[in-house]
Amino acid sequence: MSFSLTLFGEFLAFFILFCIPIFALISYKIGKRKSTMPGVLAFVGGCLAVFPLFGLIFIALLALKQDLPKTSPYAH
């Protein structure tokens, strides 16, 4: 049984391009509660989505970070 490496490459590229906006959105949503600069976190999360394992580690570390205090003017 043979399979085309071109087809595998296209699937891999599609998967990575699909992950970039998803990881950026998740990073932004979590970053709004955890940081004063959620846009920067969304950009970093999107960039790290090129290597999905690094993106997942980044999101996990971001989720473990403490929330901003509710009295902070930056808290949303």
PDB file of N, CA and C in Angstrom:
ATOM      1  N   MET A   1       0.841  -1.175   0.000  1.00  0.00           N
ATOM      2  CA  MET A   1       0.000   0.000   0.000  1.00  0.00           C
ATOM      3  C   MET A   1       0.886   1.238   0.000  1.00  0.00           C
ATOM      4  N   SER A   2       0.632   2.112  -0.916  1.00  0.00           N
ATOM      5  CA  SER A   2       1.414   3.341  -0.969  1.00  0.00           C
ATOM      6  C   SER A   2       0.471   4.538  -0.786  1.00  0.00           C
ATOM      7  N   PHE A   3       1.034   5.586  -0.279  1.00  0.00           N
ATOM      8  CA  PHE A   3       0.255   6.807  -0.141  1.00  0.00           C
ATOM      9  C   PHE A   3       1.123   7.978  -0.584  1.00  0.00           C
ATOM     10  N   SER A   4       0.470   9.021  -0.949  1.00  0.00           N
ATOM     11  CA  SER A   4       1.166  10.171  -1.495  1.00  0.00           C
ATOM     12  C   SER A   4       1.668  11.084  -0.373  1.00  0.00           C
ATOM     13  N   LEU A   5       2.944  11.375  -0.401  1.00  0.00           N
ATOM     14  CA  LEU A   5       3.488  12.313   0.578  1.00  0.00           C
ATOM     15  C   LEU A   5       2.974  13.723   0.322  1.00  0.00           C
ATOM     16  N   THR A   6       2.611  14.016  -0.900  1.00  0.00           N
ATOM     17  CA  THR A   6       2.042  15.326  -1.197  1.00  0.00           C
ATOM     18  C   THR A   6       0.706  15.487  -0.477  1.00  0.00           C
ATOM     19  N   LEU A   7      -0.093  14.457  -0.492  1.00  0.00           N
ATOM     20  CA  LEU A   7      -1.380  14.495   0.199  1.00  0.00           C
ATOM     21  C   LEU A   7      -1.169  14.637   1.706  1.00  0.00           C
ATOM     22  N   PHE A   8      -0.186  13.918   2.254  1.00  0.00           N
ATOM     23  CA  PHE A   8       0.132  14.030   3.673  1.00  0.00           C
ATOM     24  C   PHE A   8       0.600  15.443   4.006  1.00  0.00           C
ATOM     25  N   GLY A   9       1.425  16.030   3.165  1.00  0.00           N
ATOM     26  CA  GLY A   9       1.901  17.398   3.371  1.00  0.00           C
ATOM     27  C   GLY A   9       0.773  18.410   3.317  1.00  0.00           C
ATOM     28  N   GLU A  10      -0.159  18.216   2.403  1.00  0.00           N
ATOM     29  CA  GLU A  10      -1.310  19.114   2.319  1.00  0.00           C
ATOM     30  C   GLU A  10      -2.186  18.995   3.559  1.00  0.00           C
ATOM     31  N   PHE A  11      -2.375  17.779   4.050  1.00  0.00           N
ATOM     32  CA  PHE A  11      -3.145  17.590   5.271  1.00  0.00           C
ATOM     33  C   PHE A  11      -2.453  18.265   6.445  1.00  0.00           C
ATOM     34  N   LEU A  12      -1.149  18.108   6.557  1.00  0.00           N
ATOM     35  CA  LEU A  12      -0.389  18.713   7.645  1.00  0.00           C
ATOM     36  C   LEU A  12      -0.454  20.239   7.574  1.00  0.00           C
ATOM     37  N   ALA A  13      -0.319  20.793   6.383  1.00  0.00           N
ATOM     38  CA  ALA A  13      -0.410  22.242   6.224  1.00  0.00           C
ATOM     39  C   ALA A  13      -1.815  22.742   6.570  1.00  0.00           C
ATOM     40  N   PHE A  14      -2.838  22.025   6.147  1.00  0.00           N
ATOM     41  CA  PHE A  14      -4.204  22.413   6.481  1.00  0.00           C
ATOM     42  C   PHE A  14      -4.427  22.365   7.979  1.00  0.00           C
ATOM     43  N   PHE A  15      -3.921  21.319   8.638  1.00  0.00           N
ATOM     44  CA  PHE A  15      -4.080  21.184  10.081  1.00  0.00           C
ATOM     45  C   PHE A  15      -3.403  22.334  10.818  1.00  0.00           C
ATOM     46  N   ILE A  16      -2.203  22.691  10.405  1.00  0.00           N
ATOM     47  CA  ILE A  16      -1.481  23.785  11.062  1.00  0.00           C
ATOM     48  C   ILE A  16      -2.200  25.113  10.810  1.00  0.00           C
ATOM     49  N   LEU A  17      -2.641  25.354   9.581  1.00  0.00           N
ATOM     50  CA  LEU A  17      -3.364  26.591   9.286  1.00  0.00           C
ATOM     51  C   LEU A  17      -4.702  26.653  10.005  1.00  0.00           C
ATOM     52  N   PHE A  18      -5.294  25.506  10.283  1.00  0.00           N
ATOM     53  CA  PHE A  18      -6.538  25.448  11.046  1.00  0.00           C
ATOM     54  C   PHE A  18      -6.277  25.750  12.523  1.00  0.00           C
ATOM     55  N   CYS A  19      -5.128  25.311  13.032  1.00  0.00           N
ATOM     56  CA  CYS A  19      -4.793  25.498  14.446  1.00  0.00           C
ATOM     57  C   CYS A  19      -4.455  26.942  14.795  1.00  0.00           C
ATOM     58  N   ILE A  20      -3.886  27.696  13.875  1.00  0.00           N
ATOM     59  CA  ILE A  20      -3.405  29.046  14.191  1.00  0.00           C
ATOM     60  C   ILE A  20      -4.523  29.942  14.719  1.00  0.00           C
ATOM     61  N   PRO A  21      -5.651  30.123  14.015  1.00  0.00           N
ATOM     62  CA  PRO A  21      -6.689  30.999  14.579  1.00  0.00           C
ATOM     63  C   PRO A  21      -7.350  30.428  15.829  1.00  0.00           C
ATOM     64  N   ILE A  22      -7.446  29.102  15.910  1.00  0.00           N
ATOM     65  CA  ILE A  22      -8.050  28.483  17.096  1.00  0.00           C
ATOM     66  C   ILE A  22      -7.187  28.751  18.327  1.00  0.00           C
ATOM     67  N   PHE A  23      -5.886  28.524  18.219  1.00  0.00           N
ATOM     68  CA  PHE A  23      -4.985  28.746  19.348  1.00  0.00           C
ATOM     69  C   PHE A  23      -4.915  30.228  19.697  1.00  0.00           C
ATOM     70  N   ALA A  24      -4.947  31.098  18.685  1.00  0.00           N
ATOM     71  CA  ALA A  24      -4.914  32.540  18.952  1.00  0.00           C
ATOM     72  C   ALA A  24      -6.172  32.975  19.696  1.00  0.00           C
ATOM     73  N   LEU A  25      -7.321  32.461  19.305  1.00  0.00           N
ATOM     74  CA  LEU A  25      -8.574  32.808  19.972  1.00  0.00           C
ATOM     75  C   LEU A  25      -8.597  32.311  21.415  1.00  0.00           C
ATOM     76  N   ILE A  26      -8.160  31.082  21.628  1.00  0.00           N
ATOM     77  CA  ILE A  26      -8.113  30.541  22.993  1.00  0.00           C
ATOM     78  C   ILE A  26      -7.144  31.344  23.846  1.00  0.00           C
ATOM     79  N   SER A  27      -5.982  31.688  23.280  1.00  0.00           N
ATOM     80  CA  SER A  27      -4.999  32.480  24.028  1.00  0.00           C
ATOM     81  C   SER A  27      -5.560  33.858  24.365  1.00  0.00           C
ATOM     82  N   TYR A  28      -6.304  34.449  23.453  1.00  0.00           N
ATOM     83  CA  TYR A  28      -6.886  35.765  23.711  1.00  0.00           C
ATOM     84  C   TYR A  28      -7.929  35.692  24.828  1.00  0.00           C
ATOM     85  N   LYS A  29      -8.807  34.685  24.748  1.00  0.00           N
ATOM     86  CA  LYS A  29      -9.862  34.550  25.762  1.00  0.00           C
ATOM     87  C   LYS A  29      -9.265  34.330  27.152  1.00  0.00           C
ATOM     88  N   ILE A  30      -8.267  33.462  27.252  1.00  0.00           N
ATOM     89  CA  ILE A  30      -7.631  33.228  28.543  1.00  0.00           C
ATOM     90  C   ILE A  30      -6.814  34.447  28.956  1.00  0.00           C
ATOM     91  N   GLY A  31      -6.159  35.081  27.997  1.00  0.00           N
ATOM     92  CA  GLY A  31      -5.312  36.239  28.283  1.00  0.00           C
ATOM     93  C   GLY A  31      -6.079  37.437  28.803  1.00  0.00           C
ATOM     94  N   LYS A  32      -7.361  37.554  28.444  1.00  0.00           N
ATOM     95  CA  LYS A  32      -8.160  38.665  28.967  1.00  0.00           C
ATOM     96  C   LYS A  32      -8.294  38.595  30.477  1.00  0.00           C
ATOM     97  N   ARG A  33      -8.347  37.394  31.027  1.00  0.00           N
ATOM     98  CA  ARG A  33      -8.465  37.227  32.476  1.00  0.00           C
ATOM     99  C   ARG A  33      -7.112  37.228  33.170  1.00  0.00           C
ATOM    100  N   LYS A  34      -6.055  36.885  32.458  1.00  0.00           N
ATOM    101  CA  LYS A  34      -4.771  36.637  33.102  1.00  0.00           C
ATOM    102  C   LYS A  34      -3.748  37.751  32.918  1.00  0.00           C
ATOM    103  N   SER A  35      -3.954  38.645  31.966  1.00  0.00           N
ATOM    104  CA  SER A  35      -2.918  39.616  31.630  1.00  0.00           C
ATOM    105  C   SER A  35      -3.535  40.954  31.245  1.00  0.00           C
ATOM    106  N   THR A  36      -2.689  41.960  31.240  1.00  0.00           N
ATOM    107  CA  THR A  36      -3.133  43.282  30.793  1.00  0.00           C
ATOM    108  C   THR A  36      -2.945  43.451  29.287  1.00  0.00           C
ATOM    109  N   MET A  37      -2.295  42.486  28.618  1.00  0.00           N
ATOM    110  CA  MET A  37      -2.053  42.563  27.180  1.00  0.00           C
ATOM    111  C   MET A  37      -2.517  41.285  26.479  1.00  0.00           C
ATOM    112  N   PRO A  38      -3.825  41.073  26.360  1.00  0.00           N
ATOM    113  CA  PRO A  38      -4.293  39.831  25.735  1.00  0.00           C
ATOM    114  C   PRO A  38      -3.971  39.738  24.245  1.00  0.00           C
ATOM    115  N   GLY A  39      -3.818  40.866  23.577  1.00  0.00           N
ATOM    116  CA  GLY A  39      -3.481  40.841  22.151  1.00  0.00           C
ATOM    117  C   GLY A  39      -2.110  40.248  21.892  1.00  0.00           C
ATOM    118  N   VAL A  40      -1.178  40.585  22.746  1.00  0.00           N
ATOM    119  CA  VAL A  40       0.174  40.032  22.611  1.00  0.00           C
ATOM    120  C   VAL A  40       0.147  38.525  22.862  1.00  0.00           C
ATOM    121  N   LEU A  41      -0.615  38.106  23.855  1.00  0.00           N
ATOM    122  CA  LEU A  41      -0.718  36.676  24.144  1.00  0.00           C
ATOM    123  C   LEU A  41      -1.395  35.929  22.994  1.00  0.00           C
ATOM    124  N   ALA A  42      -2.374  36.557  22.361  1.00  0.00           N
ATOM    125  CA  ALA A  42      -3.030  35.933  21.208  1.00  0.00           C
ATOM    126  C   ALA A  42      -2.041  35.788  20.049  1.00  0.00           C
ATOM    127  N   PHE A  43      -1.205  36.805  19.832  1.00  0.00           N
ATOM    128  CA  PHE A  43      -0.201  36.737  18.766  1.00  0.00           C
ATOM    129  C   PHE A  43       0.809  35.623  19.039  1.00  0.00           C
ATOM    130  N   VAL A  44       1.289  35.557  20.273  1.00  0.00           N
ATOM    131  CA  VAL A  44       2.253  34.509  20.634  1.00  0.00           C
ATOM    132  C   VAL A  44       1.616  33.130  20.508  1.00  0.00           C
ATOM    133  N   GLY A  45       0.369  32.993  20.973  1.00  0.00           N
ATOM    134  CA  GLY A  45      -0.327  31.711  20.844  1.00  0.00           C
ATOM    135  C   GLY A  45      -0.522  31.304  19.392  1.00  0.00           C
ATOM    136  N   GLY A  46      -0.827  32.276  18.529  1.00  0.00           N
ATOM    137  CA  GLY A  46      -0.973  31.986  17.103  1.00  0.00           C
ATOM    138  C   GLY A  46       0.343  31.589  16.465  1.00  0.00           C
ATOM    139  N   CYS A  47       1.416  32.264  16.853  1.00  0.00           N
ATOM    140  CA  CYS A  47       2.737  31.917  16.305  1.00  0.00           C
ATOM    141  C   CYS A  47       3.174  30.529  16.766  1.00  0.00           C
ATOM    142  N   LEU A  48       2.909  30.212  18.018  1.00  0.00           N
ATOM    143  CA  LEU A  48       3.304  28.899  18.528  1.00  0.00           C
ATOM    144  C   LEU A  48       2.429  27.783  17.970  1.00  0.00           C
ATOM    145  N   ALA A  49       1.307  28.117  17.361  1.00  0.00           N
ATOM    146  CA  ALA A  49       0.437  27.095  16.770  1.00  0.00           C
ATOM    147  C   ALA A  49       1.072  26.459  15.537  1.00  0.00           C
ATOM    148  N   VAL A  50       2.121  27.074  15.015  1.00  0.00           N
ATOM    149  CA  VAL A  50       2.837  26.461  13.896  1.00  0.00           C
ATOM    150  C   VAL A  50       3.400  25.112  14.347  1.00  0.00           C
ATOM    151  N   PHE A  51       3.777  25.032  15.620  1.00  0.00           N
ATOM    152  CA  PHE A  51       4.174  23.772  16.253  1.00  0.00           C
ATOM    153  C   PHE A  51       3.109  23.475  17.312  1.00  0.00           C
ATOM    154  N   PRO A  52       2.076  22.706  16.965  1.00  0.00           N
ATOM    155  CA  PRO A  52       0.920  22.547  17.858  1.00  0.00           C
ATOM    156  C   PRO A  52       1.258  22.119  19.284  1.00  0.00           C
ATOM    157  N   LEU A  53       2.307  21.345  19.472  1.00  0.00           N
ATOM    158  CA  LEU A  53       2.673  20.942  20.824  1.00  0.00           C
ATOM    159  C   LEU A  53       3.085  22.155  21.652  1.00  0.00           C
ATOM    160  N   PHE A  54       3.867  23.053  21.058  1.00  0.00           N
ATOM    161  CA  PHE A  54       4.269  24.270  21.770  1.00  0.00           C
ATOM    162  C   PHE A  54       3.059  25.155  22.054  1.00  0.00           C
ATOM    163  N   GLY A  55       2.124  25.208  21.116  1.00  0.00           N
ATOM    164  CA  GLY A  55       0.904  25.980  21.335  1.00  0.00           C
ATOM    165  C   GLY A  55       0.081  25.439  22.487  1.00  0.00           C
ATOM    166  N   LEU A  56      -0.030  24.128  22.576  1.00  0.00           N
ATOM    167  CA  LEU A  56      -0.779  23.518  23.678  1.00  0.00           C
ATOM    168  C   LEU A  56      -0.077  23.752  25.023  1.00  0.00           C
ATOM    169  N   ILE A  57       1.243  23.667  25.026  1.00  0.00           N
ATOM    170  CA  ILE A  57       1.991  23.943  26.262  1.00  0.00           C
ATOM    171  C   ILE A  57       1.799  25.393  26.678  1.00  0.00           C
ATOM    172  N   PHE A  58       1.823  26.315  25.718  1.00  0.00           N
ATOM    173  CA  PHE A  58       1.628  27.734  26.020  1.00  0.00           C
ATOM    174  C   PHE A  58       0.240  27.970  26.618  1.00  0.00           C
ATOM    175  N   ILE A  59      -0.779  27.374  26.041  1.00  0.00           N
ATOM    176  CA  ILE A  59      -2.136  27.543  26.556  1.00  0.00           C
ATOM    177  C   ILE A  59      -2.264  26.941  27.953  1.00  0.00           C
ATOM    178  N   ALA A  60      -1.625  25.796  28.177  1.00  0.00           N
ATOM    179  CA  ALA A  60      -1.677  25.170  29.500  1.00  0.00           C
ATOM    180  C   ALA A  60      -0.994  26.056  30.543  1.00  0.00           C
ATOM    181  N   LEU A  61       0.163  26.604  30.207  1.00  0.00           N
ATOM    182  CA  LEU A  61       0.855  27.492  31.144  1.00  0.00           C
ATOM    183  C   LEU A  61       0.058  28.772  31.386  1.00  0.00           C
ATOM    184  N   LEU A  62      -0.567  29.269  30.343  1.00  0.00           N
ATOM    185  CA  LEU A  62      -1.383  30.475  30.488  1.00  0.00           C
ATOM    186  C   LEU A  62      -2.598  30.198  31.369  1.00  0.00           C
ATOM    187  N   ALA A  63      -3.185  29.026  31.237  1.00  0.00           N
ATOM    188  CA  ALA A  63      -4.347  28.681  32.056  1.00  0.00           C
ATOM    189  C   ALA A  63      -3.962  28.523  33.528  1.00  0.00           C
ATOM    190  N   LEU A  64      -2.730  28.120  33.794  1.00  0.00           N
ATOM    191  CA  LEU A  64      -2.285  27.935  35.170  1.00  0.00           C
ATOM    192  C   LEU A  64      -1.877  29.248  35.853  1.00  0.00           C
ATOM    193  N   LYS A  65      -1.684  30.290  35.069  1.00  0.00           N
ATOM    194  CA  LYS A  65      -1.303  31.590  35.630  1.00  0.00           C
ATOM    195  C   LYS A  65      -2.467  32.152  36.460  1.00  0.00           C
ATOM    196  N   GLN A  66      -2.137  32.893  37.496  1.00  0.00           N
ATOM    197  CA  GLN A  66      -3.186  33.456  38.351  1.00  0.00           C
ATOM    198  C   GLN A  66      -3.946  34.565  37.619  1.00  0.00           C
ATOM    199  N   ASP A  67      -5.246  34.665  37.921  1.00  0.00           N
ATOM    200  CA  ASP A  67      -6.078  35.721  37.349  1.00  0.00           C
ATOM    201  C   ASP A  67      -5.670  37.069  37.902  1.00  0.00           C
ATOM    202  N   LEU A  68      -6.021  38.124  37.146  1.00  0.00           N
ATOM    203  CA  LEU A  68      -5.833  39.478  37.659  1.00  0.00           C
ATOM    204  C   LEU A  68      -6.806  39.705  38.814  1.00  0.00           C
ATOM    205  N   PRO A  69      -6.436  40.523  39.778  1.00  0.00           N
ATOM    206  CA  PRO A  69      -7.390  40.809  40.857  1.00  0.00           C
ATOM    207  C   PRO A  69      -8.626  41.525  40.307  1.00  0.00           C
ATOM    208  N   LYS A  70      -9.775  41.270  40.909  1.00  0.00           N
ATOM    209  CA  LYS A  70     -11.026  41.873  40.433  1.00  0.00           C
ATOM    210  C   LYS A  70     -11.022  43.390  40.591  1.00  0.00           C
ATOM    211  N   THR A  71     -10.240  43.922  41.540  1.00  0.00           N
ATOM    212  CA  THR A  71     -10.200  45.366  41.756  1.00  0.00           C
ATOM    213  C   THR A  71      -9.275  46.073  40.780  1.00  0.00           C
ATOM    214  N   SER A  72      -8.551  45.308  39.963  1.00  0.00           N
ATOM    215  CA  SER A  72      -7.629  45.889  39.001  1.00  0.00           C
ATOM    216  C   SER A  72      -8.410  46.584  37.882  1.00  0.00           C
ATOM    217  N   PRO A  73      -7.977  47.771  37.446  1.00  0.00           N
ATOM    218  CA  PRO A  73      -8.668  48.433  36.335  1.00  0.00           C
ATOM    219  C   PRO A  73      -8.487  47.684  35.019  1.00  0.00           C
ATOM    220  N   TYR A  74      -7.523  46.757  34.967  1.00  0.00           N
ATOM    221  CA  TYR A  74      -7.284  45.995  33.743  1.00  0.00           C
ATOM    222  C   TYR A  74      -8.131  44.728  33.671  1.00  0.00           C
ATOM    223  N   ALA A  75      -8.744  44.321  34.761  1.00  0.00           N
ATOM    224  CA  ALA A  75      -9.551  43.107  34.752  1.00  0.00           C
ATOM    225  C   ALA A  75     -10.820  43.336  33.921  1.00  0.00           C
ATOM    226  N   HIS A  76     -11.151  42.332  33.095  1.00  0.00           N
ATOM    227  CA  HIS A  76     -12.336  42.450  32.231  1.00  0.00           C
ATOM    228  C   HIS A  76     -13.457  41.639  32.806  1.00  0.00           C
TER     229      HIS A  76
END
